[in-house]
Amino acid sequence: MMRLSLLPTVAAALLVAASCVHAFNFTEEEAKQKAEDAQRPRGTTIPASCRAALKDERVTVLIAERGNSGFNADQSRFSMHFQGIDRRLQKQGMHTFSQDEIKKRVAQAEIDAYFRNDPDAALNAAKKLAGTMVLRGVISSRRGVNPVLGINEVAVHMSFALVGSDGHGIAEAGASSESYSGSDTVGMALTLINEQADGVVARLLSGYCAERSGKGKAK
């Protein structure tokens, strides 16, 4: 009898825990993106014609973290994240600019403005590097406290966009971790890159190839 009397209490605890998990779900759009990402292969299958075109592209990789006060776009803060993406782009034959090259040619103020969606800053950065595309990565997070366990929880998401030198969007992809205990969002974002960058780059380049194919048909 005593065990039976505990059932309502256990059930209530489970309901609270379930509501907590729900509280840390991402938006419907992010959840949909994650479901689609899980169904796609991690490898990159690129048509030969598109692979040849990739070798002519010069990509500037920029990463920032979105916070309550705006963007932190100090590129030295994201060196490991940069390298994780940069390696995979080079593996596909694309030319990329090192962080030292970017720092020498593009002012921090221009990078800051770029992440504030200043189109002129994006064009200036691309022109100074003679680049053809920019790969933009943004780290964002949501924080809260688990009411059952009483511990901090953080949901981390990274969104990536491949943008042409003229500012037009080419492709987008995302990576996310729904919740974990801790405060090192930049460290968690690096874990996401290490675990999911192959799939992210595959989707971005797939979008690039699709756009290129569409332009070819239009001609």
N, C-alpha and C. Protein backbone atom coordinates (compact mmCIF):
# COMPACT_ATOMS: atom_id res chain seq x y z
N MET A 1 0.82 -1.21 0.00
CA MET A 1 0.00 0.00 0.00
C MET A 1 0.85 1.26 0.00
N MET A 2 1.93 1.22 0.77
CA MET A 2 2.78 2.40 0.85
C MET A 2 3.42 2.69 -0.51
N ARG A 3 3.79 1.62 -1.22
CA ARG A 3 4.39 1.82 -2.55
C ARG A 3 3.38 2.44 -3.50
N LEU A 4 2.12 1.97 -3.41
CA LEU A 4 1.08 2.54 -4.27
C LEU A 4 0.87 4.01 -3.97
N SER A 5 0.99 4.38 -2.71
CA SER A 5 0.75 5.78 -2.33
C SER A 5 1.81 6.71 -2.88
N LEU A 6 2.96 6.13 -3.25
CA LEU A 6 4.02 6.97 -3.79
C LEU A 6 3.83 7.27 -5.28
N LEU A 7 2.95 6.53 -5.93
CA LEU A 7 2.78 6.69 -7.38
C LEU A 7 2.39 8.11 -7.79
N PRO A 8 1.40 8.75 -7.12
CA PRO A 8 1.06 10.12 -7.52
C PRO A 8 2.25 11.07 -7.40
N THR A 9 3.08 10.90 -6.36
CA THR A 9 4.23 11.77 -6.17
C THR A 9 5.25 11.57 -7.28
N VAL A 10 5.51 10.28 -7.60
CA VAL A 10 6.45 9.98 -8.68
C VAL A 10 5.93 10.51 -10.00
N ALA A 11 4.64 10.33 -10.24
CA ALA A 11 4.05 10.81 -11.49
C ALA A 11 4.19 12.33 -11.60
N ALA A 12 3.95 13.01 -10.47
CA ALA A 12 4.06 14.48 -10.48
C ALA A 12 5.48 14.91 -10.78
N ALA A 13 6.45 14.21 -10.19
CA ALA A 13 7.86 14.55 -10.43
C ALA A 13 8.22 14.36 -11.89
N LEU A 14 7.71 13.26 -12.49
CA LEU A 14 8.00 13.01 -13.89
C LEU A 14 7.40 14.08 -14.78
N LEU A 15 6.21 14.55 -14.43
CA LEU A 15 5.57 15.61 -15.21
C LEU A 15 6.38 16.89 -15.14
N VAL A 16 6.90 17.22 -13.96
CA VAL A 16 7.71 18.43 -13.80
C VAL A 16 8.99 18.31 -14.61
N ALA A 17 9.61 17.11 -14.52
CA ALA A 17 10.84 16.90 -15.28
C ALA A 17 10.59 17.03 -16.77
N ALA A 18 9.46 16.47 -17.23
CA ALA A 18 9.12 16.55 -18.65
C ALA A 18 8.92 17.98 -19.09
N SER A 19 8.27 18.77 -18.23
CA SER A 19 8.03 20.17 -18.58
C SER A 19 9.34 20.93 -18.64
N CYS A 20 10.30 20.54 -17.80
CA CYS A 20 11.61 21.18 -17.80
C CYS A 20 12.35 20.90 -19.11
N VAL A 21 12.31 19.64 -19.55
CA VAL A 21 12.96 19.28 -20.81
C VAL A 21 12.35 20.07 -21.95
N HIS A 22 11.02 20.18 -21.93
CA HIS A 22 10.33 20.94 -22.97
C HIS A 22 10.78 22.39 -22.98
N ALA A 23 11.03 22.93 -21.78
CA ALA A 23 11.41 24.34 -21.68
C ALA A 23 12.72 24.61 -22.39
N PHE A 24 13.57 23.57 -22.56
CA PHE A 24 14.86 23.77 -23.18
C PHE A 24 14.89 23.34 -24.63
N ASN A 25 13.71 23.02 -25.19
CA ASN A 25 13.66 22.75 -26.62
C ASN A 25 13.88 24.05 -27.38
N PHE A 26 14.45 23.97 -28.57
CA PHE A 26 14.62 25.15 -29.38
C PHE A 26 13.30 25.50 -30.06
N THR A 27 13.30 26.56 -30.79
CA THR A 27 12.10 26.96 -31.52
C THR A 27 11.73 25.87 -32.51
N GLU A 28 10.53 25.94 -33.03
CA GLU A 28 10.07 24.92 -33.99
C GLU A 28 10.99 24.87 -35.21
N GLU A 29 11.44 26.03 -35.64
CA GLU A 29 12.30 26.08 -36.82
C GLU A 29 13.63 25.36 -36.55
N GLU A 30 14.20 25.59 -35.36
CA GLU A 30 15.46 24.95 -35.00
C GLU A 30 15.28 23.45 -34.83
N ALA A 31 14.13 23.06 -34.22
CA ALA A 31 13.85 21.63 -34.04
C ALA A 31 13.70 20.93 -35.39
N LYS A 32 13.04 21.61 -36.31
CA LYS A 32 12.87 21.05 -37.65
C LYS A 32 14.22 20.90 -38.34
N GLN A 33 15.08 21.92 -38.17
CA GLN A 33 16.41 21.86 -38.77
C GLN A 33 17.20 20.68 -38.23
N LYS A 34 17.09 20.46 -36.91
CA LYS A 34 17.82 19.36 -36.29
C LYS A 34 17.32 18.02 -36.80
N ALA A 35 16.01 17.87 -36.97
CA ALA A 35 15.44 16.63 -37.47
C ALA A 35 15.91 16.36 -38.90
N GLU A 36 15.93 17.41 -39.71
CA GLU A 36 16.38 17.25 -41.09
C GLU A 36 17.86 16.91 -41.13
N ASP A 37 18.65 17.54 -40.25
CA ASP A 37 20.09 17.28 -40.21
C ASP A 37 20.37 15.82 -39.86
N ALA A 38 19.58 15.28 -38.93
CA ALA A 38 19.80 13.91 -38.47
C ALA A 38 19.54 12.89 -39.57
N GLN A 39 18.67 13.25 -40.53
CA GLN A 39 18.32 12.33 -41.60
C GLN A 39 19.29 12.39 -42.77
N ARG A 40 20.15 13.42 -42.78
CA ARG A 40 21.07 13.58 -43.89
C ARG A 40 22.39 12.89 -43.61
N PRO A 41 23.04 12.34 -44.63
CA PRO A 41 24.33 11.70 -44.43
C PRO A 41 25.39 12.71 -44.05
N ARG A 42 26.36 12.27 -43.24
CA ARG A 42 27.42 13.16 -42.79
C ARG A 42 28.46 13.40 -43.88
N GLY A 43 28.59 12.49 -44.80
CA GLY A 43 29.57 12.64 -45.85
C GLY A 43 29.14 13.68 -46.87
N THR A 44 30.10 14.12 -47.69
CA THR A 44 29.82 15.13 -48.71
C THR A 44 29.88 14.49 -50.08
N THR A 45 28.77 14.51 -50.80
CA THR A 45 28.74 14.01 -52.16
C THR A 45 28.55 15.19 -53.09
N ILE A 46 29.61 15.54 -53.82
CA ILE A 46 29.59 16.72 -54.67
C ILE A 46 29.83 16.32 -56.11
N PRO A 47 28.97 16.74 -57.03
CA PRO A 47 29.18 16.43 -58.45
C PRO A 47 30.54 16.91 -58.92
N ALA A 48 31.12 16.20 -59.87
CA ALA A 48 32.46 16.55 -60.36
C ALA A 48 32.53 17.98 -60.87
N SER A 49 31.50 18.41 -61.60
CA SER A 49 31.49 19.77 -62.15
C SER A 49 31.50 20.82 -61.05
N CYS A 50 30.76 20.53 -59.96
CA CYS A 50 30.70 21.48 -58.85
C CYS A 50 32.01 21.45 -58.06
N ARG A 51 32.59 20.26 -57.91
CA ARG A 51 33.86 20.15 -57.19
C ARG A 51 34.94 20.98 -57.87
N ALA A 52 34.93 21.00 -59.18
CA ALA A 52 35.91 21.80 -59.92
C ALA A 52 35.69 23.28 -59.67
N ALA A 53 34.42 23.68 -59.57
CA ALA A 53 34.09 25.08 -59.33
C ALA A 53 34.52 25.53 -57.93
N LEU A 54 34.44 24.62 -56.96
CA LEU A 54 34.82 24.95 -55.59
C LEU A 54 36.27 25.40 -55.50
N LYS A 55 37.13 24.86 -56.37
CA LYS A 55 38.54 25.20 -56.33
C LYS A 55 38.81 26.65 -56.73
N ASP A 56 37.83 27.29 -57.36
CA ASP A 56 37.98 28.69 -57.76
C ASP A 56 37.45 29.65 -56.69
N GLU A 57 36.81 29.10 -55.65
CA GLU A 57 36.22 29.94 -54.62
C GLU A 57 37.23 30.28 -53.52
N ARG A 58 37.15 31.53 -53.03
CA ARG A 58 38.03 32.00 -51.96
C ARG A 58 37.13 32.44 -50.80
N VAL A 59 37.19 31.70 -49.71
CA VAL A 59 36.22 31.85 -48.63
C VAL A 59 36.83 32.52 -47.39
N THR A 60 36.10 33.50 -46.87
CA THR A 60 36.47 34.14 -45.61
C THR A 60 35.58 33.57 -44.51
N VAL A 61 36.17 32.94 -43.52
CA VAL A 61 35.40 32.35 -42.41
C VAL A 61 35.41 33.33 -41.23
N LEU A 62 34.22 33.72 -40.78
CA LEU A 62 34.07 34.63 -39.64
C LEU A 62 33.10 34.02 -38.64
N ILE A 63 33.44 34.09 -37.36
CA ILE A 63 32.61 33.51 -36.30
C ILE A 63 32.40 34.52 -35.19
N ALA A 64 31.21 34.53 -34.60
CA ALA A 64 30.91 35.44 -33.50
C ALA A 64 29.95 34.77 -32.53
N GLU A 65 29.88 35.30 -31.33
CA GLU A 65 28.93 34.81 -30.33
C GLU A 65 27.91 35.91 -30.05
N ARG A 66 26.63 35.54 -30.11
CA ARG A 66 25.56 36.49 -29.84
C ARG A 66 25.24 36.48 -28.34
N GLY A 67 25.26 37.66 -27.72
CA GLY A 67 24.94 37.78 -26.30
C GLY A 67 23.88 38.83 -26.06
N ASN A 68 23.57 39.08 -24.80
CA ASN A 68 22.54 40.07 -24.47
C ASN A 68 22.93 41.48 -24.92
N SER A 69 24.22 41.75 -24.97
CA SER A 69 24.69 43.09 -25.34
C SER A 69 25.11 43.18 -26.80
N GLY A 70 24.84 42.14 -27.58
CA GLY A 70 25.20 42.17 -28.99
C GLY A 70 26.14 41.03 -29.35
N PHE A 71 27.02 41.27 -30.32
CA PHE A 71 27.93 40.23 -30.81
C PHE A 71 29.34 40.43 -30.26
N ASN A 72 29.97 39.32 -29.90
CA ASN A 72 31.40 39.31 -29.62
C ASN A 72 32.05 38.70 -30.85
N ALA A 73 32.70 39.54 -31.66
CA ALA A 73 33.26 39.08 -32.93
C ALA A 73 34.79 39.13 -32.92
N ASP A 74 35.39 39.05 -31.74
CA ASP A 74 36.85 38.99 -31.63
C ASP A 74 37.30 37.63 -32.15
N GLN A 75 37.87 37.60 -33.35
CA GLN A 75 38.15 36.34 -34.02
C GLN A 75 39.17 35.47 -33.29
N SER A 76 40.05 36.08 -32.50
CA SER A 76 41.03 35.29 -31.75
C SER A 76 40.36 34.40 -30.71
N ARG A 77 39.15 34.77 -30.29
CA ARG A 77 38.39 33.99 -29.32
C ARG A 77 37.90 32.67 -29.91
N PHE A 78 37.83 32.62 -31.24
CA PHE A 78 37.23 31.46 -31.91
C PHE A 78 38.23 30.73 -32.82
N SER A 79 39.50 30.76 -32.45
CA SER A 79 40.54 30.16 -33.30
C SER A 79 40.30 28.68 -33.55
N MET A 80 39.96 27.93 -32.52
CA MET A 80 39.74 26.49 -32.67
C MET A 80 38.50 26.21 -33.51
N HIS A 81 37.47 27.03 -33.34
CA HIS A 81 36.25 26.88 -34.13
C HIS A 81 36.57 27.14 -35.61
N PHE A 82 37.33 28.20 -35.84
CA PHE A 82 37.75 28.57 -37.20
C PHE A 82 38.48 27.41 -37.86
N GLN A 83 39.45 26.83 -37.14
CA GLN A 83 40.25 25.75 -37.70
C GLN A 83 39.40 24.54 -38.05
N GLY A 84 38.40 24.24 -37.20
CA GLY A 84 37.53 23.10 -37.46
C GLY A 84 36.76 23.24 -38.76
N ILE A 85 36.29 24.44 -39.07
CA ILE A 85 35.58 24.69 -40.33
C ILE A 85 36.56 24.82 -41.48
N ASP A 86 37.63 25.56 -41.24
CA ASP A 86 38.62 25.83 -42.28
C ASP A 86 39.20 24.53 -42.87
N ARG A 87 39.52 23.57 -42.00
CA ARG A 87 40.08 22.29 -42.46
C ARG A 87 39.15 21.59 -43.43
N ARG A 88 37.88 21.62 -43.10
CA ARG A 88 36.90 20.89 -43.92
C ARG A 88 36.65 21.57 -45.26
N LEU A 89 36.75 22.89 -45.30
CA LEU A 89 36.61 23.61 -46.56
C LEU A 89 37.81 23.32 -47.47
N GLN A 90 39.01 23.35 -46.88
CA GLN A 90 40.21 23.07 -47.66
C GLN A 90 40.21 21.63 -48.19
N LYS A 91 39.63 20.73 -47.40
CA LYS A 91 39.54 19.34 -47.82
C LYS A 91 38.73 19.20 -49.11
N GLN A 92 37.80 20.14 -49.31
CA GLN A 92 36.98 20.12 -50.53
C GLN A 92 37.63 20.90 -51.66
N GLY A 93 38.88 21.35 -51.46
CA GLY A 93 39.62 22.04 -52.51
C GLY A 93 39.44 23.54 -52.53
N MET A 94 38.73 24.11 -51.55
CA MET A 94 38.46 25.55 -51.53
C MET A 94 39.64 26.30 -50.92
N HIS A 95 39.87 27.50 -51.41
CA HIS A 95 40.91 28.36 -50.85
C HIS A 95 40.30 29.18 -49.71
N THR A 96 40.95 29.18 -48.57
CA THR A 96 40.47 29.96 -47.43
C THR A 96 41.57 30.92 -46.98
N PHE A 97 41.15 31.95 -46.24
CA PHE A 97 42.09 32.91 -45.70
C PHE A 97 42.36 32.58 -44.24
N SER A 98 43.62 32.65 -43.82
CA SER A 98 43.95 32.39 -42.43
C SER A 98 43.47 33.54 -41.56
N GLN A 99 43.40 33.30 -40.25
CA GLN A 99 42.99 34.37 -39.34
C GLN A 99 43.98 35.52 -39.37
N ASP A 100 45.26 35.23 -39.57
CA ASP A 100 46.26 36.29 -39.65
C ASP A 100 46.02 37.16 -40.87
N GLU A 101 45.69 36.53 -42.00
CA GLU A 101 45.40 37.29 -43.22
C GLU A 101 44.18 38.18 -43.03
N ILE A 102 43.16 37.62 -42.40
CA ILE A 102 41.93 38.38 -42.15
C ILE A 102 42.23 39.57 -41.24
N LYS A 103 42.98 39.33 -40.18
CA LYS A 103 43.30 40.39 -39.22
C LYS A 103 44.10 41.51 -39.85
N LYS A 104 45.02 41.16 -40.76
CA LYS A 104 45.87 42.17 -41.39
C LYS A 104 45.11 43.04 -42.37
N ARG A 105 44.11 42.46 -43.03
CA ARG A 105 43.44 43.17 -44.12
C ARG A 105 42.08 43.75 -43.75
N VAL A 106 41.44 43.19 -42.73
CA VAL A 106 40.09 43.64 -42.38
C VAL A 106 40.07 44.18 -40.95
N ALA A 107 39.60 45.39 -40.77
CA ALA A 107 39.56 46.01 -39.44
C ALA A 107 38.49 45.33 -38.58
N GLN A 108 38.75 45.28 -37.27
CA GLN A 108 37.78 44.67 -36.35
C GLN A 108 36.44 45.38 -36.42
N ALA A 109 36.49 46.69 -36.62
CA ALA A 109 35.24 47.46 -36.72
C ALA A 109 34.39 47.00 -37.89
N GLU A 110 35.04 46.61 -38.99
CA GLU A 110 34.30 46.12 -40.16
C GLU A 110 33.69 44.75 -39.88
N ILE A 111 34.44 43.91 -39.14
CA ILE A 111 33.90 42.59 -38.78
C ILE A 111 32.72 42.75 -37.84
N ASP A 112 32.84 43.66 -36.87
CA ASP A 112 31.73 43.92 -35.96
C ASP A 112 30.49 44.38 -36.72
N ALA A 113 30.71 45.30 -37.67
CA ALA A 113 29.59 45.82 -38.46
C ALA A 113 28.97 44.73 -39.32
N TYR A 114 29.81 43.82 -39.81
CA TYR A 114 29.31 42.72 -40.64
C TYR A 114 28.30 41.89 -39.87
N PHE A 115 28.60 41.58 -38.61
CA PHE A 115 27.68 40.77 -37.81
C PHE A 115 26.46 41.57 -37.36
N ARG A 116 26.49 42.86 -37.54
CA ARG A 116 25.29 43.67 -37.29
C ARG A 116 24.50 43.84 -38.59
N ASN A 117 24.81 42.99 -39.57
CA ASN A 117 24.10 42.99 -40.86
C ASN A 117 24.27 44.28 -41.63
N ASP A 118 25.49 44.81 -41.58
CA ASP A 118 25.82 46.00 -42.37
C ASP A 118 26.32 45.51 -43.74
N PRO A 119 25.55 45.66 -44.80
CA PRO A 119 25.94 45.13 -46.11
C PRO A 119 27.22 45.76 -46.66
N ASP A 120 27.44 47.05 -46.36
CA ASP A 120 28.65 47.71 -46.83
C ASP A 120 29.89 47.09 -46.20
N ALA A 121 29.79 46.75 -44.91
CA ALA A 121 30.92 46.14 -44.21
C ALA A 121 31.24 44.78 -44.82
N ALA A 122 30.22 44.03 -45.18
CA ALA A 122 30.42 42.72 -45.80
C ALA A 122 31.13 42.87 -47.14
N LEU A 123 30.70 43.84 -47.93
CA LEU A 123 31.32 44.05 -49.23
C LEU A 123 32.76 44.51 -49.09
N ASN A 124 33.02 45.40 -48.13
CA ASN A 124 34.37 45.90 -47.91
C ASN A 124 35.31 44.78 -47.49
N ALA A 125 34.82 43.91 -46.58
CA ALA A 125 35.65 42.79 -46.11
C ALA A 125 35.99 41.86 -47.27
N ALA A 126 35.00 41.54 -48.09
CA ALA A 126 35.21 40.64 -49.22
C ALA A 126 36.19 41.25 -50.23
N LYS A 127 36.06 42.55 -50.49
CA LYS A 127 36.93 43.21 -51.46
C LYS A 127 38.37 43.24 -50.97
N LYS A 128 38.56 43.52 -49.67
CA LYS A 128 39.92 43.61 -49.14
C LYS A 128 40.65 42.28 -49.20
N LEU A 129 39.92 41.19 -49.11
CA LEU A 129 40.53 39.87 -49.18
C LEU A 129 40.45 39.27 -50.58
N ALA A 130 39.80 39.98 -51.48
CA ALA A 130 39.57 39.47 -52.82
C ALA A 130 38.86 38.13 -52.74
N GLY A 131 37.96 37.99 -51.76
CA GLY A 131 37.23 36.75 -51.57
C GLY A 131 35.97 36.69 -52.40
N THR A 132 35.50 35.48 -52.64
CA THR A 132 34.27 35.30 -53.41
C THR A 132 33.08 34.96 -52.52
N MET A 133 33.36 34.46 -51.29
CA MET A 133 32.28 34.10 -50.38
C MET A 133 32.71 34.31 -48.93
N VAL A 134 31.71 34.48 -48.06
CA VAL A 134 31.94 34.54 -46.62
C VAL A 134 31.14 33.43 -45.96
N LEU A 135 31.79 32.66 -45.09
CA LEU A 135 31.08 31.68 -44.28
C LEU A 135 30.95 32.26 -42.89
N ARG A 136 29.73 32.56 -42.50
CA ARG A 136 29.46 33.22 -41.22
C ARG A 136 28.89 32.21 -40.22
N GLY A 137 29.52 32.12 -39.05
CA GLY A 137 29.04 31.25 -37.99
C GLY A 137 28.66 32.06 -36.77
N VAL A 138 27.49 31.81 -36.20
CA VAL A 138 27.02 32.55 -35.03
C VAL A 138 26.65 31.57 -33.91
N ILE A 139 27.23 31.78 -32.73
CA ILE A 139 26.94 30.97 -31.55
C ILE A 139 25.87 31.69 -30.74
N SER A 140 24.80 30.99 -30.38
CA SER A 140 23.77 31.57 -29.51
C SER A 140 23.39 30.55 -28.45
N SER A 141 22.83 31.02 -27.34
CA SER A 141 22.51 30.11 -26.24
C SER A 141 21.31 30.61 -25.45
N ARG A 142 20.70 29.68 -24.72
CA ARG A 142 19.61 29.98 -23.80
C ARG A 142 19.94 29.35 -22.45
N ARG A 143 19.71 30.09 -21.37
CA ARG A 143 20.06 29.61 -20.04
C ARG A 143 18.82 29.48 -19.17
N GLY A 144 18.91 28.61 -18.16
CA GLY A 144 17.82 28.43 -17.20
C GLY A 144 18.27 27.52 -16.08
N VAL A 145 17.36 27.25 -15.16
CA VAL A 145 17.64 26.36 -14.03
C VAL A 145 16.64 25.21 -14.05
N ASN A 146 17.14 24.00 -13.97
CA ASN A 146 16.28 22.82 -13.91
C ASN A 146 15.58 22.81 -12.56
N PRO A 147 14.25 22.94 -12.52
CA PRO A 147 13.53 23.02 -11.24
C PRO A 147 13.57 21.73 -10.44
N VAL A 148 13.83 20.60 -11.09
CA VAL A 148 13.89 19.32 -10.38
C VAL A 148 15.26 19.09 -9.78
N LEU A 149 16.31 19.28 -10.62
CA LEU A 149 17.67 19.02 -10.18
C LEU A 149 18.35 20.24 -9.56
N GLY A 150 17.80 21.42 -9.85
CA GLY A 150 18.37 22.63 -9.28
C GLY A 150 19.72 22.99 -9.85
N ILE A 151 20.00 22.60 -11.09
CA ILE A 151 21.28 22.91 -11.71
C ILE A 151 21.06 23.80 -12.93
N ASN A 152 22.11 24.55 -13.28
CA ASN A 152 22.03 25.41 -14.46
C ASN A 152 22.01 24.56 -15.73
N GLU A 153 21.23 24.97 -16.70
CA GLU A 153 21.19 24.30 -17.98
C GLU A 153 21.32 25.33 -19.09
N VAL A 154 22.03 24.96 -20.13
CA VAL A 154 22.25 25.86 -21.25
C VAL A 154 21.99 25.12 -22.56
N ALA A 155 21.22 25.72 -23.43
CA ALA A 155 20.99 25.19 -24.77
C ALA A 155 21.84 26.00 -25.74
N VAL A 156 22.65 25.33 -26.55
CA VAL A 156 23.58 26.02 -27.45
C VAL A 156 23.25 25.69 -28.90
N HIS A 157 23.29 26.70 -29.74
CA HIS A 157 23.01 26.52 -31.18
C HIS A 157 24.04 27.30 -31.97
N MET A 158 24.49 26.71 -33.08
CA MET A 158 25.36 27.41 -34.01
C MET A 158 24.68 27.45 -35.37
N SER A 159 24.53 28.64 -35.90
CA SER A 159 23.96 28.80 -37.24
C SER A 159 25.07 29.21 -38.20
N PHE A 160 25.06 28.63 -39.38
CA PHE A 160 26.07 28.93 -40.39
C PHE A 160 25.38 29.40 -41.66
N ALA A 161 25.97 30.39 -42.30
CA ALA A 161 25.44 30.89 -43.57
C ALA A 161 26.58 31.11 -44.54
N LEU A 162 26.42 30.63 -45.75
CA LEU A 162 27.38 30.87 -46.82
C LEU A 162 26.82 32.00 -47.66
N VAL A 163 27.59 33.09 -47.75
CA VAL A 163 27.10 34.32 -48.38
C VAL A 163 28.04 34.73 -49.50
N GLY A 164 27.48 35.13 -50.63
CA GLY A 164 28.29 35.59 -51.76
C GLY A 164 28.94 36.93 -51.46
N SER A 165 29.95 37.28 -52.23
CA SER A 165 30.66 38.55 -52.01
C SER A 165 29.76 39.76 -52.26
N ASP A 166 28.67 39.54 -52.99
CA ASP A 166 27.72 40.63 -53.23
C ASP A 166 26.63 40.69 -52.17
N GLY A 167 26.73 39.81 -51.16
CA GLY A 167 25.78 39.85 -50.04
C GLY A 167 24.61 38.90 -50.16
N HIS A 168 24.46 38.20 -51.27
CA HIS A 168 23.29 37.31 -51.41
C HIS A 168 23.55 35.99 -50.68
N GLY A 169 22.50 35.44 -50.06
CA GLY A 169 22.62 34.20 -49.34
C GLY A 169 22.70 33.01 -50.28
N ILE A 170 23.61 32.07 -49.99
CA ILE A 170 23.79 30.89 -50.83
C ILE A 170 23.23 29.64 -50.16
N ALA A 171 23.58 29.44 -48.88
CA ALA A 171 23.12 28.25 -48.17
C ALA A 171 23.21 28.48 -46.67
N GLU A 172 22.41 27.72 -45.90
CA GLU A 172 22.41 27.81 -44.45
C GLU A 172 22.41 26.41 -43.84
N ALA A 173 22.95 26.30 -42.63
CA ALA A 173 22.96 25.03 -41.90
C ALA A 173 23.10 25.34 -40.42
N GLY A 174 22.76 24.37 -39.57
CA GLY A 174 22.85 24.60 -38.13
C GLY A 174 23.34 23.39 -37.39
N ALA A 175 23.81 23.62 -36.15
CA ALA A 175 24.23 22.54 -35.25
C ALA A 175 23.77 22.94 -33.86
N SER A 176 23.29 21.97 -33.07
CA SER A 176 22.77 22.33 -31.76
C SER A 176 22.94 21.23 -30.73
N SER A 177 23.02 21.66 -29.46
CA SER A 177 22.99 20.76 -28.31
C SER A 177 21.88 21.26 -27.41
N GLU A 178 20.86 20.46 -27.15
CA GLU A 178 19.66 20.98 -26.51
C GLU A 178 19.89 21.48 -25.10
N SER A 179 20.69 20.79 -24.29
CA SER A 179 20.95 21.31 -22.94
C SER A 179 22.15 20.61 -22.31
N TYR A 180 22.85 21.33 -21.49
CA TYR A 180 23.93 20.76 -20.71
C TYR A 180 24.15 21.64 -19.50
N SER A 181 24.86 21.13 -18.52
CA SER A 181 25.11 21.88 -17.30
C SER A 181 26.47 22.55 -17.41
N GLY A 182 26.52 23.85 -17.26
CA GLY A 182 27.78 24.58 -17.36
C GLY A 182 27.55 25.97 -17.91
N SER A 183 28.63 26.73 -18.08
CA SER A 183 28.51 28.09 -18.56
C SER A 183 29.43 28.39 -19.73
N ASP A 184 30.24 27.41 -20.14
CA ASP A 184 31.21 27.62 -21.22
C ASP A 184 30.53 27.38 -22.57
N THR A 185 29.80 28.37 -23.04
CA THR A 185 29.09 28.20 -24.31
C THR A 185 30.05 28.13 -25.49
N VAL A 186 31.16 28.84 -25.42
CA VAL A 186 32.14 28.80 -26.51
C VAL A 186 32.76 27.41 -26.59
N GLY A 187 33.04 26.82 -25.42
CA GLY A 187 33.59 25.46 -25.40
C GLY A 187 32.60 24.45 -25.94
N MET A 188 31.32 24.62 -25.60
CA MET A 188 30.30 23.71 -26.10
C MET A 188 30.14 23.86 -27.60
N ALA A 189 30.27 25.10 -28.09
CA ALA A 189 30.17 25.34 -29.52
C ALA A 189 31.30 24.63 -30.26
N LEU A 190 32.49 24.58 -29.65
CA LEU A 190 33.61 23.87 -30.26
C LEU A 190 33.31 22.37 -30.33
N THR A 191 32.68 21.85 -29.28
CA THR A 191 32.28 20.44 -29.29
C THR A 191 31.30 20.18 -30.43
N LEU A 192 30.36 21.11 -30.64
CA LEU A 192 29.40 20.96 -31.73
C LEU A 192 30.12 20.91 -33.08
N ILE A 193 31.10 21.78 -33.25
CA ILE A 193 31.84 21.81 -34.51
C ILE A 193 32.59 20.50 -34.72
N ASN A 194 33.26 20.03 -33.67
CA ASN A 194 34.01 18.78 -33.78
C ASN A 194 33.10 17.61 -34.13
N GLU A 195 31.88 17.63 -33.59
CA GLU A 195 30.96 16.52 -33.80
C GLU A 195 30.14 16.64 -35.08
N GLN A 196 29.82 17.87 -35.49
CA GLN A 196 28.83 18.04 -36.57
C GLN A 196 29.32 18.83 -37.77
N ALA A 197 30.58 19.29 -37.77
CA ALA A 197 31.05 20.15 -38.86
C ALA A 197 31.05 19.47 -40.21
N ASP A 198 31.30 18.16 -40.25
CA ASP A 198 31.27 17.46 -41.54
C ASP A 198 29.89 17.59 -42.19
N GLY A 199 28.84 17.39 -41.38
CA GLY A 199 27.48 17.51 -41.91
C GLY A 199 27.13 18.94 -42.27
N VAL A 200 27.60 19.89 -41.45
CA VAL A 200 27.32 21.31 -41.71
C VAL A 200 27.94 21.74 -43.04
N VAL A 201 29.22 21.43 -43.23
CA VAL A 201 29.90 21.80 -44.47
C VAL A 201 29.26 21.09 -45.67
N ALA A 202 28.86 19.84 -45.47
CA ALA A 202 28.21 19.10 -46.56
C ALA A 202 26.93 19.81 -46.99
N ARG A 203 26.13 20.28 -46.04
CA ARG A 203 24.87 20.94 -46.39
C ARG A 203 25.11 22.30 -47.04
N LEU A 204 26.12 23.02 -46.55
CA LEU A 204 26.43 24.32 -47.14
C LEU A 204 26.89 24.17 -48.59
N LEU A 205 27.76 23.21 -48.83
CA LEU A 205 28.28 23.01 -50.19
C LEU A 205 27.22 22.40 -51.10
N SER A 206 26.33 21.61 -50.52
CA SER A 206 25.20 21.09 -51.30
C SER A 206 24.33 22.25 -51.78
N GLY A 207 24.11 23.22 -50.88
CA GLY A 207 23.34 24.41 -51.25
C GLY A 207 24.05 25.22 -52.32
N TYR A 208 25.37 25.32 -52.19
CA TYR A 208 26.17 26.02 -53.20
C TYR A 208 26.03 25.37 -54.56
N CYS A 209 26.14 24.04 -54.59
CA CYS A 209 26.04 23.30 -55.86
C CYS A 209 24.65 23.43 -56.47
N ALA A 210 23.63 23.41 -55.60
CA ALA A 210 22.25 23.54 -56.08
C ALA A 210 22.03 24.90 -56.72
N GLU A 211 22.57 25.95 -56.07
CA GLU A 211 22.41 27.30 -56.64
C GLU A 211 23.16 27.41 -57.96
N ARG A 212 24.36 26.87 -57.99
CA ARG A 212 25.16 26.92 -59.21
C ARG A 212 24.47 26.17 -60.34
N SER A 213 23.90 25.03 -60.01
CA SER A 213 23.18 24.25 -61.01
C SER A 213 21.96 25.01 -61.53
N GLY A 214 21.27 25.71 -60.62
CA GLY A 214 20.11 26.50 -61.00
C GLY A 214 20.47 27.64 -61.93
N LYS A 215 21.61 28.27 -61.68
CA LYS A 215 22.05 29.36 -62.55
C LYS A 215 22.41 28.83 -63.92
N GLY A 216 23.01 27.61 -63.92
CA GLY A 216 23.38 27.01 -65.21
C GLY A 216 22.17 26.72 -66.06
N LYS A 217 21.10 26.23 -65.40
CA LYS A 217 19.86 25.93 -66.13
C LYS A 217 19.20 27.20 -66.63
N ALA A 218 19.31 28.29 -65.83
CA ALA A 218 18.69 29.56 -66.21
C ALA A 218 19.32 30.10 -67.49
N LYS A 219 20.62 29.80 -67.63
CA LYS A 219 21.28 30.28 -68.83
C LYS A 219 20.82 29.51 -70.06
